[in-house]
C-alpha atoms as a PDB file:
ATOM      1  CA  MET A   1      95.218  -9.434  36.781  1.00  0.00           C
ATOM      2  CA  GLY A   2      93.516  -7.008  39.112  1.00  0.00           C
ATOM      3  CA  ARG A   3      92.726  -9.469  41.865  1.00  0.00           C
ATOM      4  CA  ALA A   4      96.310 -10.685  42.115  1.00  0.00           C
ATOM      5  CA  TYR A   5      97.502  -7.096  42.407  1.00  0.00           C
ATOM      6  CA  GLU A   6      94.883  -6.509  45.106  1.00  0.00           C
ATOM      7  CA  VAL A   7      96.236  -9.426  47.137  1.00  0.00           C
ATOM      8  CA  ARG A   8      99.851  -8.291  46.757  1.00  0.00           C
ATOM      9  CA  LYS A   9      98.941  -4.738  47.768  1.00  0.00           C
ATOM     10  CA  ALA A  10      97.089  -5.924  50.889  1.00  0.00           C
ATOM     11  CA  SER A  11     100.083  -8.038  51.860  1.00  0.00           C
ATOM     12  CA  ILE A  12     102.483  -5.118  51.491  1.00  0.00           C
ATOM     13  CA  GLN A  13     100.243  -2.932  53.644  1.00  0.00           C
ATOM     14  CA  LYS A  14     100.411  -5.339  56.584  1.00  0.00           C
ATOM     15  CA  THR A  15     103.229  -3.615  58.417  1.00  0.00           C
ATOM     16  CA  GLY A  16     103.816  -1.984  61.782  1.00  0.00           C
ATOM     17  CA  ALA A  17     100.905  -2.344  64.196  1.00  0.00           C
ATOM     18  CA  ALA A  18      99.108  -4.652  61.761  1.00  0.00           C
ATOM     19  CA  LYS A  19     101.796  -7.296  62.298  1.00  0.00           C
ATOM     20  CA  ALA A  20     100.668  -7.954  65.866  1.00  0.00           C
ATOM     21  CA  LYS A  21      97.161  -8.623  64.602  1.00  0.00           C
ATOM     22  CA  LEU A  22      98.515 -10.799  61.812  1.00  0.00           C
ATOM     23  CA  TYR A  23     100.419 -12.876  64.373  1.00  0.00           C
ATOM     24  CA  SER A  24      97.287 -13.243  66.512  1.00  0.00           C
ATOM     25  CA  THR A  25      95.227 -14.365  63.519  1.00  0.00           C
ATOM     26  CA  PHE A  26      97.774 -16.987  62.512  1.00  0.00           C
ATOM     27  CA  ALA A  27      98.003 -18.224  66.108  1.00  0.00           C
ATOM     28  CA  LYS A  28      94.236 -18.871  66.057  1.00  0.00           C
ATOM     29  CA  GLU A  29      94.366 -20.556  62.638  1.00  0.00           C
ATOM     30  CA  ILE A  30      97.286 -22.772  63.677  1.00  0.00           C
ATOM     31  CA  TYR A  31      95.526 -23.693  66.917  1.00  0.00           C
ATOM     32  CA  LEU A  32      92.393 -24.698  64.989  1.00  0.00           C
ATOM     33  CA  ALA A  33      94.374 -26.677  62.415  1.00  0.00           C
ATOM     34  CA  ALA A  34      96.341 -28.481  65.143  1.00  0.00           C
ATOM     35  CA  LYS A  35      93.361 -29.528  67.265  1.00  0.00           C
ATOM     36  CA  GLY A  36      92.984 -33.296  67.057  1.00  0.00           C
ATOM     37  CA  ASN A  37      96.350 -33.807  65.368  1.00  0.00           C
ATOM     38  CA  PRO A  38      99.170 -31.433  66.356  1.00  0.00           C
ATOM     39  CA  GLU A  39     101.817 -33.339  64.348  1.00  0.00           C
ATOM     40  CA  ILE A  40     102.859 -31.190  61.396  1.00  0.00           C
ATOM     41  CA  GLU A  41     104.138 -34.019  59.190  1.00  0.00           C
ATOM     42  CA  SER A  42     100.911 -36.028  59.419  1.00  0.00           C
ATOM     43  CA  ASN A  43      98.493 -33.079  59.318  1.00  0.00           C
ATOM     44  CA  LEU A  44      98.677 -31.553  55.842  1.00  0.00           C
ATOM     45  CA  HIS A  45      96.335 -28.677  56.656  1.00  0.00           C
ATOM     46  CA  LEU A  46      98.408 -27.728  59.698  1.00  0.00           C
ATOM     47  CA  LYS A  47     101.599 -28.009  57.672  1.00  0.00           C
ATOM     48  CA  ARG A  48     100.305 -25.584  55.054  1.00  0.00           C
ATOM     49  CA  VAL A  49      99.026 -23.087  57.615  1.00  0.00           C
ATOM     50  CA  VAL A  50     102.414 -23.149  59.372  1.00  0.00           C
ATOM     51  CA  GLU A  51     104.249 -22.686  56.066  1.00  0.00           C
ATOM     52  CA  LYS A  52     102.019 -19.734  55.212  1.00  0.00           C
ATOM     53  CA  ALA A  53     102.651 -18.237  58.657  1.00  0.00           C
ATOM     54  CA  LYS A  54     106.396 -18.528  58.113  1.00  0.00           C
ATOM     55  CA  ARG A  55     106.083 -16.827  54.711  1.00  0.00           C
ATOM     56  CA  ASN A  56     104.373 -13.982  56.532  1.00  0.00           C
ATOM     57  CA  GLN A  57     107.297 -13.863  58.974  1.00  0.00           C
ATOM     58  CA  VAL A  58     105.324 -15.033  61.994  1.00  0.00           C
ATOM     59  CA  PRO A  59     107.892 -15.816  64.742  1.00  0.00           C
ATOM     60  CA  SER A  60     108.526 -19.489  65.517  1.00  0.00           C
ATOM     61  CA  ASP A  61     107.653 -19.080  69.196  1.00  0.00           C
ATOM     62  CA  ILE A  62     104.126 -17.924  68.277  1.00  0.00           C
ATOM     63  CA  ILE A  63     103.705 -20.914  65.973  1.00  0.00           C
ATOM     64  CA  ASN A  64     105.027 -23.356  68.569  1.00  0.00           C
ATOM     65  CA  ARG A  65     102.886 -21.921  71.379  1.00  0.00           C
ATOM     66  CA  ALA A  66      99.743 -22.277  69.255  1.00  0.00           C
ATOM     67  CA  ILE A  67     100.561 -25.925  68.492  1.00  0.00           C
ATOM     68  CA  ASP A  68     101.409 -26.659  72.136  1.00  0.00           C
ATOM     69  CA  LYS A  69      98.141 -25.063  73.194  1.00  0.00           C
ATOM     70  CA  ALA A  70      96.239 -27.345  70.815  1.00  0.00           C
ATOM     71  CA  LYS A  71      97.799 -30.387  72.499  1.00  0.00           C
ATOM     72  CA  GLY A  72      95.985 -29.590  75.738  1.00  0.00           C
ATOM     73  CA  ALA A  73      92.437 -30.669  76.496  1.00  0.00           C
ATOM     74  CA  GLY A  74      89.548 -28.279  75.879  1.00  0.00           C
ATOM     75  CA  GLY A  75      90.495 -24.723  74.981  1.00  0.00           C
ATOM     76  CA  GLU A  76      88.825 -22.147  72.760  1.00  0.00           C
ATOM     77  CA  ASP A  77      86.379 -23.045  70.040  1.00  0.00           C
ATOM     78  CA  TYR A  78      86.978 -20.516  67.266  1.00  0.00           C
ATOM     79  CA  GLN A  79      84.504 -19.882  64.458  1.00  0.00           C
ATOM     80  CA  GLU A  80      85.046 -18.190  61.124  1.00  0.00           C
ATOM     81  CA  LEU A  81      82.274 -15.728  60.318  1.00  0.00           C
ATOM     82  CA  SER A  82      81.555 -13.100  57.684  1.00  0.00           C
ATOM     83  CA  TYR A  83      79.384 -10.015  57.988  1.00  0.00           C
ATOM     84  CA  GLU A  84      78.127  -7.929  55.079  1.00  0.00           C
ATOM     85  CA  GLY A  85      77.535  -4.200  55.256  1.00  0.00           C
ATOM     86  CA  PHE A  86      76.855  -0.982  53.397  1.00  0.00           C
ATOM     87  CA  GLY A  87      79.197   2.002  53.505  1.00  0.00           C
ATOM     88  CA  PRO A  88      78.825   5.535  52.131  1.00  0.00           C
ATOM     89  CA  GLY A  89      77.901   6.095  48.502  1.00  0.00           C
ATOM     90  CA  ALA A  90      77.764   2.819  46.609  1.00  0.00           C
ATOM     91  CA  SER A  91      80.398   1.155  48.801  1.00  0.00           C
ATOM     92  CA  THR A  92      79.942  -2.300  50.297  1.00  0.00           C
ATOM     93  CA  LEU A  93      82.052  -4.395  52.642  1.00  0.00           C
ATOM     94  CA  ILE A  94      82.494  -8.016  53.676  1.00  0.00           C
ATOM     95  CA  VAL A  95      84.063  -8.390  57.114  1.00  0.00           C
ATOM     96  CA  LYS A  96      85.800 -11.694  57.821  1.00  0.00           C
ATOM     97  CA  CYS A  97      86.210 -12.657  61.489  1.00  0.00           C
ATOM     98  CA  LEU A  98      87.724 -15.451  63.548  1.00  0.00           C
ATOM     99  CA  THR A  99      86.239 -15.509  67.029  1.00  0.00           C
ATOM    100  CA  ASP A 100      85.589 -17.508  70.175  1.00  0.00           C
ATOM    101  CA  ASN A 101      82.677 -15.234  71.129  1.00  0.00           C
ATOM    102  CA  VAL A 102      80.130 -14.524  68.389  1.00  0.00           C
ATOM    103  CA  ASN A 103      78.060 -12.080  70.455  1.00  0.00           C
ATOM    104  CA  ARG A 104      81.137  -9.985  71.241  1.00  0.00           C
ATOM    105  CA  THR A 105      82.273  -9.906  67.631  1.00  0.00           C
ATOM    106  CA  VAL A 106      78.961  -8.963  66.033  1.00  0.00           C
ATOM    107  CA  SER A 107      78.528  -6.278  68.699  1.00  0.00           C
ATOM    108  CA  PHE A 108      81.901  -4.711  67.852  1.00  0.00           C
ATOM    109  CA  VAL A 109      81.305  -4.923  64.090  1.00  0.00           C
ATOM    110  CA  ARG A 110      77.829  -3.396  64.382  1.00  0.00           C
ATOM    111  CA  GLU A 111      79.196  -0.644  66.616  1.00  0.00           C
ATOM    112  CA  ALA A 112      81.785   0.293  63.974  1.00  0.00           C
ATOM    113  CA  PHE A 113      79.061   0.659  61.336  1.00  0.00           C
ATOM    114  CA  ASN A 114      76.817   2.589  63.734  1.00  0.00           C
ATOM    115  CA  LYS A 115      79.601   5.083  64.544  1.00  0.00           C
ATOM    116  CA  CYS A 116      79.730   5.936  60.844  1.00  0.00           C
ATOM    117  CA  HIS A 117      75.908   5.947  60.551  1.00  0.00           C
ATOM    118  CA  LYS A 118      76.030   2.928  58.263  1.00  0.00           C
ATOM    119  CA  SER A 119      74.478  -0.510  58.619  1.00  0.00           C
ATOM    120  CA  LEU A 120      75.034  -4.232  58.416  1.00  0.00           C
ATOM    121  CA  GLY A 121      73.102  -6.197  55.827  1.00  0.00           C
ATOM    122  CA  VAL A 122      71.604  -9.672  55.792  1.00  0.00           C
ATOM    123  CA  THR A 123      73.374 -12.669  54.302  1.00  0.00           C
ATOM    124  CA  ASN A 124      74.027 -12.252  50.556  1.00  0.00           C
ATOM    125  CA  SER A 125      72.852  -8.637  50.528  1.00  0.00           C
ATOM    126  CA  VAL A 126      76.410  -7.740  49.449  1.00  0.00           C
ATOM    127  CA  ALA A 127      78.197 -11.002  48.628  1.00  0.00           C
ATOM    128  CA  TYR A 128      76.400 -11.495  45.305  1.00  0.00           C
ATOM    129  CA  ASN A 129      78.450  -8.589  43.956  1.00  0.00           C
ATOM    130  CA  TYR A 130      81.717 -10.349  44.844  1.00  0.00           C
ATOM    131  CA  ASP A 131      83.576 -13.411  43.571  1.00  0.00           C
ATOM    132  CA  TYR A 132      84.769 -15.868  46.228  1.00  0.00           C
ATOM    133  CA  LEU A 133      88.122 -17.047  44.889  1.00  0.00           C
ATOM    134  CA  ALA A 134      91.393 -18.737  45.695  1.00  0.00           C
ATOM    135  CA  ILE A 135      94.494 -17.004  44.347  1.00  0.00           C
ATOM    136  CA  ILE A 136      97.705 -19.032  44.334  1.00  0.00           C
ATOM    137  CA  GLY A 137     101.017 -17.739  43.042  1.00  0.00           C
ATOM    138  CA  VAL A 138     104.247 -19.698  42.577  1.00  0.00           C
ATOM    139  CA  LYS A 139     107.736 -19.051  41.284  1.00  0.00           C
ATOM    140  CA  SER A 140     107.829 -20.743  37.868  1.00  0.00           C
ATOM    141  CA  ASN A 141     107.995 -19.954  34.158  1.00  0.00           C
ATOM    142  CA  ASP A 142     106.307 -23.134  32.912  1.00  0.00           C
ATOM    143  CA  GLU A 143     102.709 -21.929  32.614  1.00  0.00           C
ATOM    144  CA  GLU A 144     101.737 -24.440  29.919  1.00  0.00           C
ATOM    145  CA  THR A 145     102.808 -27.519  31.897  1.00  0.00           C
ATOM    146  CA  ILE A 146     101.078 -26.292  35.051  1.00  0.00           C
ATOM    147  CA  MET A 147      97.891 -25.392  33.209  1.00  0.00           C
ATOM    148  CA  MET A 148      97.676 -28.682  31.288  1.00  0.00           C
ATOM    149  CA  THR A 149      98.421 -30.756  34.402  1.00  0.00           C
ATOM    150  CA  LEU A 150      95.694 -29.001  36.384  1.00  0.00           C
ATOM    151  CA  LEU A 151      93.207 -29.457  33.531  1.00  0.00           C
ATOM    152  CA  ASP A 152      94.154 -33.140  33.160  1.00  0.00           C
ATOM    153  CA  LYS A 153      93.266 -33.623  36.833  1.00  0.00           C
ATOM    154  CA  GLY A 154      89.849 -32.067  36.210  1.00  0.00           C
ATOM    155  CA  ILE A 155      90.603 -28.867  38.129  1.00  0.00           C
ATOM    156  CA  GLU A 156      88.727 -25.861  36.801  1.00  0.00           C
ATOM    157  CA  ILE A 157      90.882 -22.763  36.375  1.00  0.00           C
ATOM    158  CA  VAL A 158      89.165 -19.376  36.493  1.00  0.00           C
ATOM    159  CA  ASP A 159      92.304 -17.587  35.291  1.00  0.00           C
ATOM    160  CA  ILE A 160      96.050 -18.114  34.980  1.00  0.00           C
ATOM    161  CA  GLU A 161      98.771 -15.581  34.223  1.00  0.00           C
ATOM    162  CA  SER A 162     102.535 -15.615  33.970  1.00  0.00           C
ATOM    163  CA  LEU A 163     104.774 -12.626  34.585  1.00  0.00           C
ATOM    164  CA  ASN A 164     108.418 -12.284  35.638  1.00  0.00           C
ATOM    165  CA  GLU A 165     108.831 -16.010  36.398  1.00  0.00           C
ATOM    166  CA  GLU A 166     105.720 -16.022  38.570  1.00  0.00           C
ATOM    167  CA  ILE A 167     102.520 -17.885  37.744  1.00  0.00           C
ATOM    168  CA  VAL A 168      99.267 -16.801  39.390  1.00  0.00           C
ATOM    169  CA  ILE A 169      96.294 -19.154  39.361  1.00  0.00           C
ATOM    170  CA  THR A 170      92.748 -18.072  40.190  1.00  0.00           C
ATOM    171  CA  ALA A 171      90.312 -20.853  41.011  1.00  0.00           C
ATOM    172  CA  LYS A 172      87.400 -21.939  43.187  1.00  0.00           C
ATOM    173  CA  PRO A 173      88.319 -22.117  46.897  1.00  0.00           C
ATOM    174  CA  SER A 174      87.192 -25.748  46.973  1.00  0.00           C
ATOM    175  CA  ASP A 175      89.966 -26.557  44.467  1.00  0.00           C
ATOM    176  CA  ALA A 176      92.764 -24.803  46.400  1.00  0.00           C
ATOM    177  CA  SER A 177      93.989 -27.938  48.172  1.00  0.00           C
ATOM    178  CA  SER A 178      94.012 -30.010  44.955  1.00  0.00           C
ATOM    179  CA  ILE A 179      95.891 -27.241  43.139  1.00  0.00           C
ATOM    180  CA  LYS A 180      98.561 -27.167  45.857  1.00  0.00           C
ATOM    181  CA  ASP A 181      98.866 -30.975  45.784  1.00  0.00           C
ATOM    182  CA  THR A 182      99.424 -30.817  42.019  1.00  0.00           C
ATOM    183  CA  LEU A 183     101.881 -27.925  42.192  1.00  0.00           C
ATOM    184  CA  GLU A 184     103.902 -29.617  44.923  1.00  0.00           C
ATOM    185  CA  GLU A 185     104.171 -32.761  42.784  1.00  0.00           C
ATOM    186  CA  LEU A 186     105.356 -30.723  39.789  1.00  0.00           C
ATOM    187  CA  ILE A 187     107.697 -28.412  41.733  1.00  0.00           C
ATOM    188  CA  PRO A 188     109.436 -30.201  44.638  1.00  0.00           C
ATOM    189  CA  THR A 189     111.112 -26.964  45.773  1.00  0.00           C
ATOM    190  CA  ILE A 190     107.944 -24.912  45.399  1.00  0.00           C
ATOM    191  CA  GLU A 191     107.907 -21.298  46.567  1.00  0.00           C
ATOM    192  CA  TYR A 192     104.474 -19.759  47.018  1.00  0.00           C
ATOM    193  CA  THR A 193     104.241 -16.028  46.354  1.00  0.00           C
ATOM    194  CA  ILE A 194     100.476 -15.728  46.917  1.00  0.00           C
ATOM    195  CA  ASP A 195      98.222 -18.010  48.939  1.00  0.00           C
ATOM    196  CA  GLU A 196      94.871 -16.364  49.620  1.00  0.00           C
ATOM    197  CA  ILE A 197      91.173 -17.147  49.632  1.00  0.00           C
ATOM    198  CA  GLY A 198      88.849 -14.176  49.748  1.00  0.00           C
ATOM    199  CA  TRP A 199      86.022 -12.056  48.396  1.00  0.00           C
ATOM    200  CA  TYR A 200      86.858  -9.819  45.434  1.00  0.00           C
ATOM    201  CA  ALA A 201      84.469  -7.182  44.117  1.00  0.00           C
ATOM    202  CA  LYS A 202      83.193  -7.719  40.587  1.00  0.00           C
ATOM    203  CA  GLU A 203      83.168  -3.951  40.050  1.00  0.00           C
ATOM    204  CA  LYS A 204      84.910  -1.121  41.896  1.00  0.00           C
ATOM    205  CA  VAL A 205      83.496   2.268  42.837  1.00  0.00           C
ATOM    206  CA  THR A 206      85.294   5.569  43.453  1.00  0.00           C
ATOM    207  CA  LEU A 207      84.400   7.732  46.442  1.00  0.00           C
ATOM    208  CA  GLU A 208      85.209  11.401  46.953  1.00  0.00           C
ATOM    209  CA  GLY A 209      84.911  14.062  49.631  1.00  0.00           C
ATOM    210  CA  GLU A 210      82.863  13.213  52.723  1.00  0.00           C
ATOM    211  CA  ASP A 211      81.966   9.737  51.420  1.00  0.00           C
ATOM    212  CA  LEU A 212      85.655   8.844  51.152  1.00  0.00           C
ATOM    213  CA  GLU A 213      86.352  10.231  54.630  1.00  0.00           C
ATOM    214  CA  VAL A 214      83.512   8.209  56.171  1.00  0.00           C
ATOM    215  CA  PHE A 215      84.564   5.060  54.352  1.00  0.00           C
ATOM    216  CA  THR A 216      88.185   5.439  55.466  1.00  0.00           C
ATOM    217  CA  ARG A 217      87.033   5.899  59.068  1.00  0.00           C
ATOM    218  CA  LEU A 218      84.767   2.834  58.876  1.00  0.00           C
ATOM    219  CA  LEU A 219      87.554   0.737  57.387  1.00  0.00           C
ATOM    220  CA  GLY A 220      89.916   1.812  60.170  1.00  0.00           C
ATOM    221  CA  LEU A 221      87.389   1.014  62.901  1.00  0.00           C
ATOM    222  CA  LEU A 222      86.767  -2.464  61.500  1.00  0.00           C
ATOM    223  CA  GLU A 223      90.454  -3.275  61.028  1.00  0.00           C
ATOM    224  CA  ASN A 224      91.125  -2.306  64.656  1.00  0.00           C
ATOM    225  CA  ILE A 225      88.746  -4.980  65.964  1.00  0.00           C
ATOM    226  CA  ASP A 226      90.826  -7.915  67.230  1.00  0.00           C
ATOM    227  CA  ASP A 227      88.400 -10.548  65.897  1.00  0.00           C
ATOM    228  CA  VAL A 228      88.404  -9.091  62.354  1.00  0.00           C
ATOM    229  CA  THR A 229      90.938 -10.854  60.146  1.00  0.00           C
ATOM    230  CA  GLU A 230      90.172  -9.219  56.785  1.00  0.00           C
ATOM    231  CA  VAL A 231      87.923  -6.550  55.307  1.00  0.00           C
ATOM    232  CA  TYR A 232      86.994  -6.876  51.646  1.00  0.00           C
ATOM    233  CA  HIS A 233      85.359  -3.955  49.848  1.00  0.00           C
ATOM    234  CA  ASN A 234      84.527  -2.540  46.431  1.00  0.00           C
ATOM    235  CA  VAL A 235      86.179   0.865  46.820  1.00  0.00           C
ATOM    236  CA  ASN A 236      89.006   1.910  44.553  1.00  0.00           C
ATOM    237  CA  LEU A 237      91.504   3.446  46.971  1.00  0.00           C
ATOM    238  CA  GLY A 238      94.203   3.918  44.318  1.00  0.00           C
ATOM    239  CA  GLU A 239      97.799   2.704  44.562  1.00  0.00           C
END
């Protein structure tokens, strides 16, 4: 499935300098999840965010500092935001951010588009061409049991595939938690290989020449913004 490959590829690309940003993003997410209840065993959402951070090799001291920070009074109030924009040619982008200062973030995102002589769009000017999906992968070779159990619980599956003892489930983001509950009941020693929620283009476009150069520059500018956690787009950049 194309979307699953897209997620794996993005994960592989998060190396080097990108790791520092990845750590920062997880620190914010853990802090948010821990606010109000910093006890991992009694806060399922926090537990899953921490487990995902560990799968992404986030150091324990970063995880612990974020939880300790959440135990204090007050602190930052982060918001998750998405901005939609138009790149060169027929390219479009959805920029996901996690910020404690909305004015700062939108200013930086708009500046990146302006530097490339491109523009932000209004809400749903781009998103209607994308599917908002949860993609969950686990180590298993029992696709039939997993599929039937999920269906018996009334969980709608968009797609499911099995390859090399890995099962990848695509579903609505609102069903992600229920899917994980079900999988963890079925597989006590569960090992997640993919755990992502994001925007995936319904159709890809190919850019060449100057359009590709401008798009690559825009993508780089956006990914270098601290508040940006993910950039989704419809451009086929190849393998």
